[in-house]
């Protein structure tokens, strides 16, 4: 889920079907166990112009995904993974079966560790959480479906977590574990001043002053009213160590 939509049974990767069926699977996964209504699925797949057969198509996708998840399942059987609930459908997933829930669990642990034990252990947990990502959430599904707010929300969770991880890393004086994540997201968010501030500090901390200055100059051009003649204090490297 935290990248292209893929699923496995044991060590065997599953074929999730045609693009729209994959998008439906992505919405179920992104909902992380929350029921998804048929109306929400129809809106994601077709927007304001659904075909008259939309509901029946969704039902076909439900049956097809159930048989993908549980080969040999009788045609009208529900199975144990894709359940009917509350006027919609939900996937029966948990921390051990869905990368999104594992990511959120690690982020929660990292926050708690940062409050209780300091930034060093928190940084390890943040690094584990961010290592689960391999691109944008639900990458590769049709653009109409990918524009659903739930997927932008997941990318937002990643961005917020990278900032939290960067803060922990900078407090420890160990920017390397988060530098690649900062650089990647900075390209995607050229106007995010707090993100670029962290990147500049991380580059400086790792001895890459030239790149730090180049990054500062780029963001200064984009945000001339915010950053004037010199970097703000938030861009100054930290010397505190854990």
Foldseek 3Di string as FASTA:
>chain_A
DQEAQWADDVPHTFDQDDQLLSLVVLVQLLVPFDFDALVNSQCLRPNPDGDPCSSVVVVVSQQVNQCRVPPPPPRPDNDDAWDDPDNGIHGPDACVGHLLRVLVVLLVVLVVCCVPPNLPVSLVSLLVSLVSHDDQRNPPHDPSNCPPVSSVVSVVVSVVSLLVSLVSCLLALHLVSNQVVLVVVCVVCVQPVSSLLSNLQSCVSVVNNVVSVVSVVSSCVVVVVVDDDDDDPSNHGDDHRD
